[in-house]
Amino acid sequence: MFWERKTRSKLGKFLDKEGYSQEELVKASKVSRNTVSRICTNPDYVPSGNVIKKIMKAIRQIDPGAKTEDFFDI
């Protein structure tokens, strides 16, 4: 099916592996749905520092050892 071959960023692949939905990330990080979708599907997109901070705070609830460099090319 077409949705099985969707392009995913490092963060998108992490969410898929952990069974965590984008909607759950939206609620946990308080970042807009459009921004989370863009971050998860576009490997070249680099969000602002404030957005990265919010995303990483939510991700560390799942994996306390997660590093920013694991998900974003900064």
N, C-alpha and C. Protein backbone atom coordinates (compact mmCIF):
# COMPACT_ATOMS: atom_id res chain seq x y z
N MET A 1 0.83 -1.17 0.00
CA MET A 1 0.00 0.00 0.00
C MET A 1 0.88 1.25 0.00
N PHE A 2 0.34 2.37 -0.48
CA PHE A 2 1.14 3.58 -0.62
C PHE A 2 1.61 4.14 0.72
N TRP A 3 0.83 3.98 1.79
CA TRP A 3 1.22 4.54 3.08
C TRP A 3 2.36 3.76 3.73
N GLU A 4 2.61 2.56 3.26
CA GLU A 4 3.71 1.78 3.81
C GLU A 4 5.05 2.25 3.27
N ARG A 5 5.06 3.00 2.19
CA ARG A 5 6.30 3.48 1.59
C ARG A 5 6.47 4.99 1.74
N LYS A 6 5.87 5.56 2.76
CA LYS A 6 5.95 7.00 2.94
C LYS A 6 7.37 7.42 3.36
N THR A 7 7.77 8.60 2.94
CA THR A 7 9.06 9.14 3.32
C THR A 7 9.00 9.55 4.79
N ARG A 8 10.00 9.15 5.54
CA ARG A 8 10.03 9.48 6.96
C ARG A 8 11.40 10.04 7.34
N SER A 9 11.39 10.98 8.25
CA SER A 9 12.62 11.54 8.80
C SER A 9 13.08 10.61 9.93
N LYS A 10 14.19 10.98 10.54
CA LYS A 10 14.68 10.19 11.68
C LYS A 10 13.65 10.18 12.81
N LEU A 11 13.02 11.33 13.03
CA LEU A 11 12.00 11.40 14.08
C LEU A 11 10.79 10.56 13.72
N GLY A 12 10.36 10.61 12.47
CA GLY A 12 9.23 9.80 12.02
C GLY A 12 9.48 8.31 12.18
N LYS A 13 10.69 7.89 11.82
CA LYS A 13 11.05 6.47 11.97
C LYS A 13 11.07 6.07 13.44
N PHE A 14 11.56 6.96 14.30
CA PHE A 14 11.58 6.69 15.74
C PHE A 14 10.16 6.51 16.27
N LEU A 15 9.25 7.41 15.88
CA LEU A 15 7.87 7.32 16.33
C LEU A 15 7.23 6.02 15.85
N ASP A 16 7.49 5.65 14.59
CA ASP A 16 6.95 4.40 14.05
C ASP A 16 7.46 3.20 14.85
N LYS A 17 8.76 3.20 15.16
CA LYS A 17 9.38 2.09 15.88
C LYS A 17 8.82 1.96 17.29
N GLU A 18 8.59 3.10 17.94
CA GLU A 18 8.11 3.11 19.32
C GLU A 18 6.59 2.95 19.43
N GLY A 19 5.89 3.03 18.30
CA GLY A 19 4.43 2.92 18.31
C GLY A 19 3.76 4.18 18.85
N TYR A 20 4.42 5.29 18.71
CA TYR A 20 3.95 6.59 19.20
C TYR A 20 3.41 7.35 18.01
N SER A 21 2.21 7.88 18.10
CA SER A 21 1.61 8.56 16.95
C SER A 21 2.01 10.03 16.90
N GLN A 22 1.87 10.60 15.72
CA GLN A 22 2.14 12.03 15.57
C GLN A 22 1.19 12.84 16.44
N GLU A 23 -0.05 12.40 16.54
CA GLU A 23 -1.04 13.11 17.35
C GLU A 23 -0.63 13.11 18.82
N GLU A 24 -0.08 12.02 19.30
CA GLU A 24 0.40 11.97 20.68
C GLU A 24 1.56 12.94 20.88
N LEU A 25 2.43 13.05 19.87
CA LEU A 25 3.54 13.99 19.94
C LEU A 25 3.03 15.44 19.92
N VAL A 26 2.00 15.71 19.15
CA VAL A 26 1.39 17.04 19.11
C VAL A 26 0.91 17.42 20.50
N LYS A 27 0.21 16.52 21.16
CA LYS A 27 -0.34 16.81 22.49
C LYS A 27 0.76 16.95 23.53
N ALA A 28 1.77 16.08 23.47
CA ALA A 28 2.84 16.11 24.47
C ALA A 28 3.76 17.32 24.30
N SER A 29 3.99 17.74 23.06
CA SER A 29 4.95 18.82 22.81
C SER A 29 4.30 20.19 22.68
N LYS A 30 2.98 20.21 22.44
CA LYS A 30 2.24 21.46 22.20
C LYS A 30 2.79 22.21 20.98
N VAL A 31 3.19 21.44 19.96
CA VAL A 31 3.62 21.97 18.67
C VAL A 31 2.49 21.67 17.70
N SER A 32 2.27 22.54 16.73
CA SER A 32 1.13 22.37 15.82
C SER A 32 1.21 21.06 15.03
N ARG A 33 0.06 20.56 14.65
CA ARG A 33 -0.05 19.32 13.90
C ARG A 33 0.71 19.42 12.57
N ASN A 34 0.59 20.57 11.89
CA ASN A 34 1.28 20.75 10.62
C ASN A 34 2.80 20.69 10.77
N THR A 35 3.30 21.31 11.82
CA THR A 35 4.74 21.31 12.06
C THR A 35 5.24 19.91 12.38
N VAL A 36 4.53 19.19 13.22
CA VAL A 36 4.94 17.82 13.57
C VAL A 36 4.91 16.95 12.32
N SER A 37 3.89 17.09 11.51
CA SER A 37 3.80 16.32 10.27
C SER A 37 4.99 16.62 9.36
N ARG A 38 5.32 17.89 9.23
CA ARG A 38 6.44 18.29 8.38
C ARG A 38 7.76 17.72 8.91
N ILE A 39 7.95 17.77 10.23
CA ILE A 39 9.18 17.25 10.84
C ILE A 39 9.29 15.75 10.61
N CYS A 40 8.17 15.03 10.71
CA CYS A 40 8.19 13.57 10.60
C CYS A 40 8.30 13.06 9.16
N THR A 41 7.90 13.87 8.19
CA THR A 41 7.88 13.38 6.81
C THR A 41 8.97 13.98 5.93
N ASN A 42 9.51 15.12 6.29
CA ASN A 42 10.51 15.78 5.45
C ASN A 42 11.88 15.71 6.12
N PRO A 43 12.76 14.82 5.66
CA PRO A 43 14.08 14.68 6.29
C PRO A 43 14.95 15.93 6.19
N ASP A 44 14.65 16.84 5.27
CA ASP A 44 15.46 18.04 5.08
C ASP A 44 14.96 19.23 5.89
N TYR A 45 13.79 19.12 6.49
CA TYR A 45 13.21 20.25 7.24
C TYR A 45 13.91 20.38 8.59
N VAL A 46 14.33 21.61 8.91
CA VAL A 46 14.94 21.90 10.21
C VAL A 46 14.08 22.94 10.91
N PRO A 47 13.39 22.55 11.98
CA PRO A 47 12.52 23.50 12.70
C PRO A 47 13.35 24.49 13.52
N SER A 48 12.67 25.49 14.06
CA SER A 48 13.34 26.50 14.89
C SER A 48 13.82 25.84 16.19
N GLY A 49 14.72 26.53 16.85
CA GLY A 49 15.27 26.02 18.11
C GLY A 49 14.21 25.80 19.17
N ASN A 50 13.23 26.69 19.23
CA ASN A 50 12.16 26.57 20.22
C ASN A 50 11.33 25.30 19.97
N VAL A 51 11.04 25.02 18.71
CA VAL A 51 10.27 23.82 18.36
C VAL A 51 11.08 22.57 18.68
N ILE A 52 12.37 22.58 18.35
CA ILE A 52 13.23 21.43 18.66
C ILE A 52 13.23 21.18 20.17
N LYS A 53 13.31 22.22 20.95
CA LYS A 53 13.31 22.08 22.41
C LYS A 53 12.03 21.42 22.90
N LYS A 54 10.87 21.85 22.38
CA LYS A 54 9.59 21.26 22.78
C LYS A 54 9.48 19.80 22.35
N ILE A 55 9.92 19.51 21.12
CA ILE A 55 9.87 18.13 20.61
C ILE A 55 10.76 17.22 21.46
N MET A 56 11.97 17.69 21.76
CA MET A 56 12.89 16.86 22.53
C MET A 56 12.41 16.63 23.95
N LYS A 57 11.74 17.60 24.54
CA LYS A 57 11.18 17.41 25.88
C LYS A 57 10.15 16.29 25.86
N ALA A 58 9.31 16.26 24.81
CA ALA A 58 8.31 15.20 24.68
C ALA A 58 8.96 13.86 24.37
N ILE A 59 9.97 13.85 23.52
CA ILE A 59 10.66 12.60 23.15
C ILE A 59 11.36 12.00 24.36
N ARG A 60 11.90 12.83 25.22
CA ARG A 60 12.61 12.31 26.41
C ARG A 60 11.67 11.66 27.42
N GLN A 61 10.37 11.86 27.26
CA GLN A 61 9.42 11.13 28.09
C GLN A 61 9.37 9.66 27.65
N ILE A 62 9.64 9.42 26.38
CA ILE A 62 9.67 8.06 25.84
C ILE A 62 11.05 7.44 26.05
N ASP A 63 12.09 8.21 25.68
CA ASP A 63 13.47 7.73 25.75
C ASP A 63 14.32 8.80 26.44
N PRO A 64 14.54 8.65 27.74
CA PRO A 64 15.29 9.67 28.48
C PRO A 64 16.71 9.92 27.96
N GLY A 65 17.27 8.96 27.26
CA GLY A 65 18.63 9.10 26.74
C GLY A 65 18.70 9.70 25.34
N ALA A 66 17.58 10.14 24.81
CA ALA A 66 17.54 10.67 23.44
C ALA A 66 18.33 11.98 23.36
N LYS A 67 19.04 12.14 22.24
CA LYS A 67 19.83 13.34 22.00
C LYS A 67 19.27 14.07 20.78
N THR A 68 19.40 15.36 20.77
CA THR A 68 18.93 16.17 19.65
C THR A 68 19.55 15.71 18.35
N GLU A 69 20.84 15.36 18.37
CA GLU A 69 21.56 14.95 17.17
C GLU A 69 21.00 13.65 16.59
N ASP A 70 20.29 12.87 17.39
CA ASP A 70 19.69 11.62 16.89
C ASP A 70 18.56 11.89 15.91
N PHE A 71 17.95 13.08 15.99
CA PHE A 71 16.77 13.38 15.19
C PHE A 71 16.92 14.56 14.24
N PHE A 72 17.81 15.48 14.58
CA PHE A 72 17.95 16.69 13.77
C PHE A 72 19.41 16.90 13.39
N ASP A 73 19.65 17.31 12.15
CA ASP A 73 21.00 17.62 11.68
C ASP A 73 21.28 19.09 11.95
N ILE A 74 21.89 19.34 13.09
CA ILE A 74 22.16 20.72 13.48
C ILE A 74 23.64 21.01 13.38
